């Protein structure tokens, strides 16, 4: 296998824990690094920080906001990306009109709640749409997600929301991606829906769409075995894939 380095990119308010179900097996195939966005407040800034630390060639997997960051990495340095995984994510910019205003207001309300009541209280509200409805009563899963959110600060939250609200349109990039690409989505992802992933898979020539059944947005934590199996198969494809347009 030609890939010797894999960079995992967490999403909004996520850290290494979001990849706990994948790292033990995948590190048998490749060296793994997990990005940390810190207080960066733009997707481009997050991508640039990854590129500064990354080797000349690497595979890249992003979950949720991390998928948008991964697309920015590709925009900046397509020749360095040997394989790409876009998981429970999206590609479009903030919508204009009422839809965009609604998203901004919803995100601003969560920022205000985090500042007034703390990150865990905000997380308890935010996570309602983040997992399959049947998993809301899963104590260990919910505890792990809320613990992860609580490790972040309101300042980090605000910075990452700013990055999302100022996100660029990555639609034109999709047809340029020629490396082996995994497009993965929980069937019941209520935040980044299946239709968006089907579109990405159609636009990316060397892609495989994987739908994780009975799963919401937090696929890596909700269904770790299924996600890990899909990522393992993706990495094993890298040696026979091409690179970029």
C-alpha atoms as a PDB file:
ATOM      1  CA  UNK A   1       0.000   0.000   0.000  1.00  0.00           C
ATOM      2  CA  UNK A   2       1.425   3.387  -1.015  1.00  0.00           C
ATOM      3  CA  UNK A   3      -0.184   5.481   1.702  1.00  0.00           C
ATOM      4  CA  UNK A   4       2.060   5.883   4.740  1.00  0.00           C
ATOM      5  CA  UNK A   5       0.294   8.761   6.455  1.00  0.00           C
ATOM      6  CA  UNK A   6      -3.374   9.378   7.231  1.00  0.00           C
ATOM      7  CA  UNK A   7      -4.669  12.662   8.623  1.00  0.00           C
ATOM      8  CA  UNK A   8      -8.013  12.492  10.416  1.00  0.00           C
ATOM      9  CA  UNK A   9      -9.892  15.791  10.622  1.00  0.00           C
ATOM     10  CA  UNK A  10     -12.506  16.168  13.390  1.00  0.00           C
ATOM     11  CA  UNK A  11     -15.647  18.218  12.973  1.00  0.00           C
ATOM     12  CA  UNK A  12     -17.295  20.949  15.004  1.00  0.00           C
ATOM     13  CA  UNK A  13     -16.428  20.637  18.711  1.00  0.00           C
ATOM     14  CA  UNK A  14     -14.869  17.216  18.178  1.00  0.00           C
ATOM     15  CA  UNK A  15     -11.429  15.926  19.142  1.00  0.00           C
ATOM     16  CA  UNK A  16      -9.489  12.655  19.021  1.00  0.00           C
ATOM     17  CA  UNK A  17     -12.390  10.850  20.704  1.00  0.00           C
ATOM     18  CA  UNK A  18     -14.496  11.061  17.561  1.00  0.00           C
ATOM     19  CA  UNK A  19     -11.993   8.660  15.931  1.00  0.00           C
ATOM     20  CA  UNK A  20     -11.549   6.273  18.883  1.00  0.00           C
ATOM     21  CA  UNK A  21     -13.425   3.528  17.090  1.00  0.00           C
ATOM     22  CA  UNK A  22     -11.244   3.731  13.983  1.00  0.00           C
ATOM     23  CA  UNK A  23      -7.666   4.368  15.121  1.00  0.00           C
ATOM     24  CA  UNK A  24      -6.818   0.963  16.675  1.00  0.00           C
ATOM     25  CA  UNK A  25      -7.376  -0.921  13.422  1.00  0.00           C
ATOM     26  CA  UNK A  26      -6.382   1.749  10.916  1.00  0.00           C
ATOM     27  CA  UNK A  27      -3.038   2.415  12.616  1.00  0.00           C
ATOM     28  CA  UNK A  28      -2.077  -1.128  11.611  1.00  0.00           C
ATOM     29  CA  UNK A  29      -2.290   0.055   7.991  1.00  0.00           C
ATOM     30  CA  UNK A  30      -0.809   3.534   8.158  1.00  0.00           C
ATOM     31  CA  UNK A  31       0.633   6.245  10.358  1.00  0.00           C
ATOM     32  CA  UNK A  32      -2.163   8.383  11.792  1.00  0.00           C
ATOM     33  CA  UNK A  33      -2.279  12.041  12.763  1.00  0.00           C
ATOM     34  CA  UNK A  34      -5.377  13.796  14.126  1.00  0.00           C
ATOM     35  CA  UNK A  35      -5.811  17.490  13.386  1.00  0.00           C
ATOM     36  CA  UNK A  36      -6.563  20.032  16.111  1.00  0.00           C
ATOM     37  CA  UNK A  37      -8.177  23.276  14.920  1.00  0.00           C
ATOM     38  CA  UNK A  38      -7.522  25.222  18.114  1.00  0.00           C
ATOM     39  CA  UNK A  39      -8.926  28.747  17.892  1.00  0.00           C
ATOM     40  CA  UNK A  40      -8.718  28.987  14.101  1.00  0.00           C
ATOM     41  CA  UNK A  41     -11.823  30.673  12.707  1.00  0.00           C
ATOM     42  CA  UNK A  42     -11.738  29.865   8.993  1.00  0.00           C
ATOM     43  CA  UNK A  43     -11.799  26.626   7.040  1.00  0.00           C
ATOM     44  CA  UNK A  44      -8.886  27.842   4.941  1.00  0.00           C
ATOM     45  CA  UNK A  45      -6.870  28.579   8.060  1.00  0.00           C
ATOM     46  CA  UNK A  46      -7.587  25.092   9.374  1.00  0.00           C
ATOM     47  CA  UNK A  47      -6.511  23.596   6.044  1.00  0.00           C
ATOM     48  CA  UNK A  48      -3.319  25.650   5.962  1.00  0.00           C
ATOM     49  CA  UNK A  49      -2.444  24.471   9.471  1.00  0.00           C
ATOM     50  CA  UNK A  50      -2.829  20.855   8.363  1.00  0.00           C
ATOM     51  CA  UNK A  51      -0.630  21.397   5.312  1.00  0.00           C
ATOM     52  CA  UNK A  52       2.171  22.966   7.365  1.00  0.00           C
ATOM     53  CA  UNK A  53       2.431  19.791   9.472  1.00  0.00           C
ATOM     54  CA  UNK A  54       1.655  17.211   6.804  1.00  0.00           C
ATOM     55  CA  UNK A  55       4.162  15.150   4.815  1.00  0.00           C
ATOM     56  CA  UNK A  56       4.477  15.651   1.074  1.00  0.00           C
ATOM     57  CA  UNK A  57       1.765  13.062   0.330  1.00  0.00           C
ATOM     58  CA  UNK A  58      -0.995  11.849   2.618  1.00  0.00           C
ATOM     59  CA  UNK A  59      -4.493  10.429   2.800  1.00  0.00           C
ATOM     60  CA  UNK A  60      -7.125  12.642   4.364  1.00  0.00           C
ATOM     61  CA  UNK A  61     -10.412  11.823   6.103  1.00  0.00           C
ATOM     62  CA  UNK A  62     -12.760  14.490   7.416  1.00  0.00           C
ATOM     63  CA  UNK A  63     -15.950  14.107   9.416  1.00  0.00           C
ATOM     64  CA  UNK A  64     -18.659  16.795   9.478  1.00  0.00           C
ATOM     65  CA  UNK A  65     -16.929  20.205   9.466  1.00  0.00           C
ATOM     66  CA  UNK A  66     -13.726  18.206   9.052  1.00  0.00           C
ATOM     67  CA  UNK A  67     -14.946  17.111   5.629  1.00  0.00           C
ATOM     68  CA  UNK A  68     -15.248  20.750   4.602  1.00  0.00           C
ATOM     69  CA  UNK A  69     -11.716  21.326   5.901  1.00  0.00           C
ATOM     70  CA  UNK A  70     -10.540  18.331   3.870  1.00  0.00           C
ATOM     71  CA  UNK A  71     -12.014  19.891   0.736  1.00  0.00           C
ATOM     72  CA  UNK A  72     -10.129  23.095   1.518  1.00  0.00           C
ATOM     73  CA  UNK A  73      -6.903  21.111   1.855  1.00  0.00           C
ATOM     74  CA  UNK A  74      -7.582  19.653  -1.581  1.00  0.00           C
ATOM     75  CA  UNK A  75      -8.295  23.123  -2.973  1.00  0.00           C
ATOM     76  CA  UNK A  76      -4.943  24.402  -1.698  1.00  0.00           C
ATOM     77  CA  UNK A  77      -2.751  21.376  -2.483  1.00  0.00           C
ATOM     78  CA  UNK A  78      -4.503  18.749  -4.623  1.00  0.00           C
ATOM     79  CA  UNK A  79      -1.228  17.160  -5.685  1.00  0.00           C
ATOM     80  CA  UNK A  80      -0.463  16.196  -2.075  1.00  0.00           C
ATOM     81  CA  UNK A  81      -3.700  14.298  -1.371  1.00  0.00           C
ATOM     82  CA  UNK A  82      -3.408  10.615  -2.239  1.00  0.00           C
ATOM     83  CA  UNK A  83      -6.873   9.630  -1.006  1.00  0.00           C
ATOM     84  CA  UNK A  84      -9.883  11.427   0.420  1.00  0.00           C
ATOM     85  CA  UNK A  85     -12.765  10.467   2.718  1.00  0.00           C
ATOM     86  CA  UNK A  86     -15.740  12.822   3.097  1.00  0.00           C
ATOM     87  CA  UNK A  87     -17.961  11.692   5.938  1.00  0.00           C
ATOM     88  CA  UNK A  88     -21.288  13.136   7.115  1.00  0.00           C
ATOM     89  CA  UNK A  89     -20.363  16.466   5.575  1.00  0.00           C
ATOM     90  CA  UNK A  90     -21.367  18.932   2.860  1.00  0.00           C
ATOM     91  CA  UNK A  91     -19.889  21.233   0.244  1.00  0.00           C
ATOM     92  CA  UNK A  92     -22.179  24.240  -0.329  1.00  0.00           C
ATOM     93  CA  UNK A  93     -21.761  27.760   1.021  1.00  0.00           C
ATOM     94  CA  UNK A  94     -24.219  29.418   3.398  1.00  0.00           C
ATOM     95  CA  UNK A  95     -27.545  29.787   1.641  1.00  0.00           C
ATOM     96  CA  UNK A  96     -28.887  33.199   0.814  1.00  0.00           C
ATOM     97  CA  UNK A  97     -32.232  34.496   2.004  1.00  0.00           C
ATOM     98  CA  UNK A  98     -34.353  32.976   4.734  1.00  0.00           C
ATOM     99  CA  UNK A  99     -32.499  29.660   4.876  1.00  0.00           C
ATOM    100  CA  UNK A 100     -29.161  31.324   5.509  1.00  0.00           C
ATOM    101  CA  UNK A 101     -30.655  33.679   8.064  1.00  0.00           C
ATOM    102  CA  UNK A 102     -32.235  30.744   9.883  1.00  0.00           C
ATOM    103  CA  UNK A 103     -28.953  28.827  10.052  1.00  0.00           C
ATOM    104  CA  UNK A 104     -27.101  31.879  11.328  1.00  0.00           C
ATOM    105  CA  UNK A 105     -29.739  32.515  13.993  1.00  0.00           C
ATOM    106  CA  UNK A 106     -29.718  28.883  15.135  1.00  0.00           C
ATOM    107  CA  UNK A 107     -25.934  28.815  15.426  1.00  0.00           C
ATOM    108  CA  UNK A 108     -25.874  32.181  17.200  1.00  0.00           C
ATOM    109  CA  UNK A 109     -28.432  30.886  19.692  1.00  0.00           C
ATOM    110  CA  UNK A 110     -26.176  27.927  20.500  1.00  0.00           C
ATOM    111  CA  UNK A 111     -23.226  30.260  20.994  1.00  0.00           C
ATOM    112  CA  UNK A 112     -25.282  32.321  23.425  1.00  0.00           C
ATOM    113  CA  UNK A 113     -26.362  29.195  25.310  1.00  0.00           C
ATOM    114  CA  UNK A 114     -22.771  27.964  25.600  1.00  0.00           C
ATOM    115  CA  UNK A 115     -21.640  31.323  26.951  1.00  0.00           C
ATOM    116  CA  UNK A 116     -24.533  31.575  29.422  1.00  0.00           C
ATOM    117  CA  UNK A 117     -24.926  27.971  30.581  1.00  0.00           C
ATOM    118  CA  UNK A 118     -21.720  26.181  29.615  1.00  0.00           C
ATOM    119  CA  UNK A 119     -20.630  23.848  26.853  1.00  0.00           C
ATOM    120  CA  UNK A 120     -22.318  20.730  28.212  1.00  0.00           C
ATOM    121  CA  UNK A 121     -25.709  22.436  28.456  1.00  0.00           C
ATOM    122  CA  UNK A 122     -25.343  23.668  24.890  1.00  0.00           C
ATOM    123  CA  UNK A 123     -24.235  20.205  23.790  1.00  0.00           C
ATOM    124  CA  UNK A 124     -27.307  18.567  25.300  1.00  0.00           C
ATOM    125  CA  UNK A 125     -29.447  20.719  23.016  1.00  0.00           C
ATOM    126  CA  UNK A 126     -27.221  20.506  19.942  1.00  0.00           C
ATOM    127  CA  UNK A 127     -26.804  16.747  20.024  1.00  0.00           C
ATOM    128  CA  UNK A 128     -30.532  16.090  19.634  1.00  0.00           C
ATOM    129  CA  UNK A 129     -30.120  16.240  15.833  1.00  0.00           C
ATOM    130  CA  UNK A 130     -26.661  14.733  15.775  1.00  0.00           C
ATOM    131  CA  UNK A 131     -27.435  11.066  16.454  1.00  0.00           C
ATOM    132  CA  UNK A 132     -30.040   8.527  15.405  1.00  0.00           C
ATOM    133  CA  UNK A 133     -33.164   9.117  17.539  1.00  0.00           C
ATOM    134  CA  UNK A 134     -32.889   5.629  19.017  1.00  0.00           C
ATOM    135  CA  UNK A 135     -29.417   6.449  20.386  1.00  0.00           C
ATOM    136  CA  UNK A 136     -30.495   9.447  22.460  1.00  0.00           C
ATOM    137  CA  UNK A 137     -31.071   7.050  25.369  1.00  0.00           C
ATOM    138  CA  UNK A 138     -27.666   5.362  24.920  1.00  0.00           C
ATOM    139  CA  UNK A 139     -25.879   6.586  28.040  1.00  0.00           C
ATOM    140  CA  UNK A 140     -22.284   5.662  27.104  1.00  0.00           C
ATOM    141  CA  UNK A 141     -22.576   7.125  23.607  1.00  0.00           C
ATOM    142  CA  UNK A 142     -24.242  10.324  24.728  1.00  0.00           C
ATOM    143  CA  UNK A 143     -21.812  10.675  27.613  1.00  0.00           C
ATOM    144  CA  UNK A 144     -18.824  10.334  25.279  1.00  0.00           C
ATOM    145  CA  UNK A 145     -20.195  12.964  22.893  1.00  0.00           C
ATOM    146  CA  UNK A 146     -21.058  15.409  25.676  1.00  0.00           C
ATOM    147  CA  UNK A 147     -17.691  14.882  27.376  1.00  0.00           C
ATOM    148  CA  UNK A 148     -15.999  15.707  24.080  1.00  0.00           C
ATOM    149  CA  UNK A 149     -18.045  18.888  23.638  1.00  0.00           C
ATOM    150  CA  UNK A 150     -17.348  19.914  27.232  1.00  0.00           C
ATOM    151  CA  UNK A 151     -13.597  19.710  26.602  1.00  0.00           C
ATOM    152  CA  UNK A 152     -13.991  22.644  24.210  1.00  0.00           C
ATOM    153  CA  UNK A 153     -14.525  26.254  25.260  1.00  0.00           C
ATOM    154  CA  UNK A 154     -17.089  28.868  24.215  1.00  0.00           C
ATOM    155  CA  UNK A 155     -14.222  30.674  22.448  1.00  0.00           C
ATOM    156  CA  UNK A 156     -13.402  27.599  20.356  1.00  0.00           C
ATOM    157  CA  UNK A 157     -17.095  27.125  19.648  1.00  0.00           C
ATOM    158  CA  UNK A 158     -17.486  30.713  18.432  1.00  0.00           C
ATOM    159  CA  UNK A 159     -14.384  30.455  16.239  1.00  0.00           C
ATOM    160  CA  UNK A 160     -15.563  27.251  14.590  1.00  0.00           C
ATOM    161  CA  UNK A 161     -19.060  28.626  14.025  1.00  0.00           C
ATOM    162  CA  UNK A 162     -17.506  31.657  12.324  1.00  0.00           C
ATOM    163  CA  UNK A 163     -15.579  29.256  10.073  1.00  0.00           C
ATOM    164  CA  UNK A 164     -18.776  27.456   9.133  1.00  0.00           C
ATOM    165  CA  UNK A 165     -20.795  30.592   8.508  1.00  0.00           C
ATOM    166  CA  UNK A 166     -18.080  31.928   6.185  1.00  0.00           C
ATOM    167  CA  UNK A 167     -17.537  28.608   4.411  1.00  0.00           C
ATOM    168  CA  UNK A 168     -16.675  28.720   0.692  1.00  0.00           C
ATOM    169  CA  UNK A 169     -18.580  26.846  -1.981  1.00  0.00           C
ATOM    170  CA  UNK A 170     -16.661  23.633  -2.647  1.00  0.00           C
ATOM    171  CA  UNK A 171     -19.008  22.391  -5.381  1.00  0.00           C
ATOM    172  CA  UNK A 172     -16.552  23.225  -8.234  1.00  0.00           C
ATOM    173  CA  UNK A 173     -13.866  21.092  -6.573  1.00  0.00           C
ATOM    174  CA  UNK A 174     -15.809  17.846  -6.683  1.00  0.00           C
ATOM    175  CA  UNK A 175     -15.297  17.038 -10.360  1.00  0.00           C
ATOM    176  CA  UNK A 176     -11.546  17.705  -9.980  1.00  0.00           C
ATOM    177  CA  UNK A 177     -11.074  14.967  -7.383  1.00  0.00           C
ATOM    178  CA  UNK A 178      -9.600  11.874  -9.026  1.00  0.00           C
ATOM    179  CA  UNK A 179      -7.978  10.091  -6.078  1.00  0.00           C
ATOM    180  CA  UNK A 180      -9.697   7.139  -4.373  1.00  0.00           C
ATOM    181  CA  UNK A 181     -12.517   8.746  -2.397  1.00  0.00           C
ATOM    182  CA  UNK A 182     -14.862   7.408   0.238  1.00  0.00           C
ATOM    183  CA  UNK A 183     -18.168   9.261   0.593  1.00  0.00           C
ATOM    184  CA  UNK A 184     -19.854   8.036   3.762  1.00  0.00           C
ATOM    185  CA  UNK A 185     -23.092   9.021   5.465  1.00  0.00           C
ATOM    186  CA  UNK A 186     -25.399   7.755   8.183  1.00  0.00           C
ATOM    187  CA  UNK A 187     -28.750   6.844   6.667  1.00  0.00           C
ATOM    188  CA  UNK A 188     -30.560   9.005   9.236  1.00  0.00           C
ATOM    189  CA  UNK A 189     -28.092  11.909   9.238  1.00  0.00           C
ATOM    190  CA  UNK A 190     -30.427  14.840   9.921  1.00  0.00           C
ATOM    191  CA  UNK A 191     -27.690  17.464   9.622  1.00  0.00           C
ATOM    192  CA  UNK A 192     -25.826  16.512   6.433  1.00  0.00           C
ATOM    193  CA  UNK A 193     -28.305  14.404   4.555  1.00  0.00           C
ATOM    194  CA  UNK A 194     -27.864  11.450   2.236  1.00  0.00           C
ATOM    195  CA  UNK A 195     -28.860  13.431  -0.856  1.00  0.00           C
ATOM    196  CA  UNK A 196     -25.767  15.634  -0.529  1.00  0.00           C
ATOM    197  CA  UNK A 197     -23.525  12.584  -0.294  1.00  0.00           C
ATOM    198  CA  UNK A 198     -25.148  10.969  -3.319  1.00  0.00           C
ATOM    199  CA  UNK A 199     -24.382  14.144  -5.278  1.00  0.00           C
ATOM    200  CA  UNK A 200     -20.755  14.164  -4.116  1.00  0.00           C
ATOM    201  CA  UNK A 201     -20.363  10.524  -5.098  1.00  0.00           C
ATOM    202  CA  UNK A 202     -21.760  11.221  -8.566  1.00  0.00           C
ATOM    203  CA  UNK A 203     -19.415  14.157  -9.086  1.00  0.00           C
ATOM    204  CA  UNK A 204     -16.222  12.447  -7.859  1.00  0.00           C
ATOM    205  CA  UNK A 205     -15.124   9.924 -10.465  1.00  0.00           C
ATOM    206  CA  UNK A 206     -13.145   7.466  -8.324  1.00  0.00           C
ATOM    207  CA  UNK A 207     -15.544   7.424  -5.391  1.00  0.00           C
ATOM    208  CA  UNK A 208     -17.503   4.885  -3.431  1.00  0.00           C
ATOM    209  CA  UNK A 209     -20.668   5.816  -1.535  1.00  0.00           C
ATOM    210  CA  UNK A 210     -21.167   3.969   1.755  1.00  0.00           C
ATOM    211  CA  UNK A 211     -24.421   4.377   3.672  1.00  0.00           C
ATOM    212  CA  UNK A 212     -24.311   3.374   7.330  1.00  0.00           C
ATOM    213  CA  UNK A 213     -27.694   2.009   8.353  1.00  0.00           C
ATOM    214  CA  UNK A 214     -29.498   3.007  11.567  1.00  0.00           C
ATOM    215  CA  UNK A 215     -27.065   5.871  12.039  1.00  0.00           C
ATOM    216  CA  UNK A 216     -27.187   9.627  12.397  1.00  0.00           C
ATOM    217  CA  UNK A 217     -24.562  12.331  11.912  1.00  0.00           C
ATOM    218  CA  UNK A 218     -22.014  11.038  14.441  1.00  0.00           C
ATOM    219  CA  UNK A 219     -21.310   7.913  12.429  1.00  0.00           C
ATOM    220  CA  UNK A 220     -17.766   7.292  13.670  1.00  0.00           C
ATOM    221  CA  UNK A 221     -19.057   7.021  17.239  1.00  0.00           C
ATOM    222  CA  UNK A 222     -22.518   5.583  16.581  1.00  0.00           C
ATOM    223  CA  UNK A 223     -21.413   2.740  14.301  1.00  0.00           C
ATOM    224  CA  UNK A 224     -17.638   2.462  14.747  1.00  0.00           C
ATOM    225  CA  UNK A 225     -17.235  -1.060  13.358  1.00  0.00           C
ATOM    226  CA  UNK A 226     -19.098  -0.311  10.131  1.00  0.00           C
ATOM    227  CA  UNK A 227     -17.275   2.975   9.596  1.00  0.00           C
ATOM    228  CA  UNK A 228     -13.900   1.395  10.303  1.00  0.00           C
ATOM    229  CA  UNK A 229     -14.586  -1.389   7.795  1.00  0.00           C
ATOM    230  CA  UNK A 230     -15.430   1.165   5.108  1.00  0.00           C
ATOM    231  CA  UNK A 231     -12.318   3.204   5.869  1.00  0.00           C
ATOM    232  CA  UNK A 232     -10.118   0.114   5.835  1.00  0.00           C
ATOM    233  CA  UNK A 233     -11.394  -0.870   2.391  1.00  0.00           C
ATOM    234  CA  UNK A 234     -10.843   2.724   1.192  1.00  0.00           C
ATOM    235  CA  UNK A 235      -7.235   2.773   2.394  1.00  0.00           C
ATOM    236  CA  UNK A 236      -6.523  -0.556   0.751  1.00  0.00           C
ATOM    237  CA  UNK A 237      -7.677   0.937  -2.566  1.00  0.00           C
ATOM    238  CA  UNK A 238      -5.124   3.720  -2.439  1.00  0.00           C
ATOM    239  CA  UNK A 239      -2.287   1.713  -3.932  1.00  0.00           C
ATOM    240  CA  UNK A 240      -4.211   1.250  -7.192  1.00  0.00           C
ATOM    241  CA  UNK A 241      -5.791   4.707  -7.406  1.00  0.00           C
ATOM    242  CA  UNK A 242      -4.777   7.748  -9.418  1.00  0.00           C
ATOM    243  CA  UNK A 243      -4.150  11.161  -7.897  1.00  0.00           C
ATOM    244  CA  UNK A 244      -5.600  14.432  -9.236  1.00  0.00           C
ATOM    245  CA  UNK A 245      -7.003  16.166 -12.248  1.00  0.00           C
END
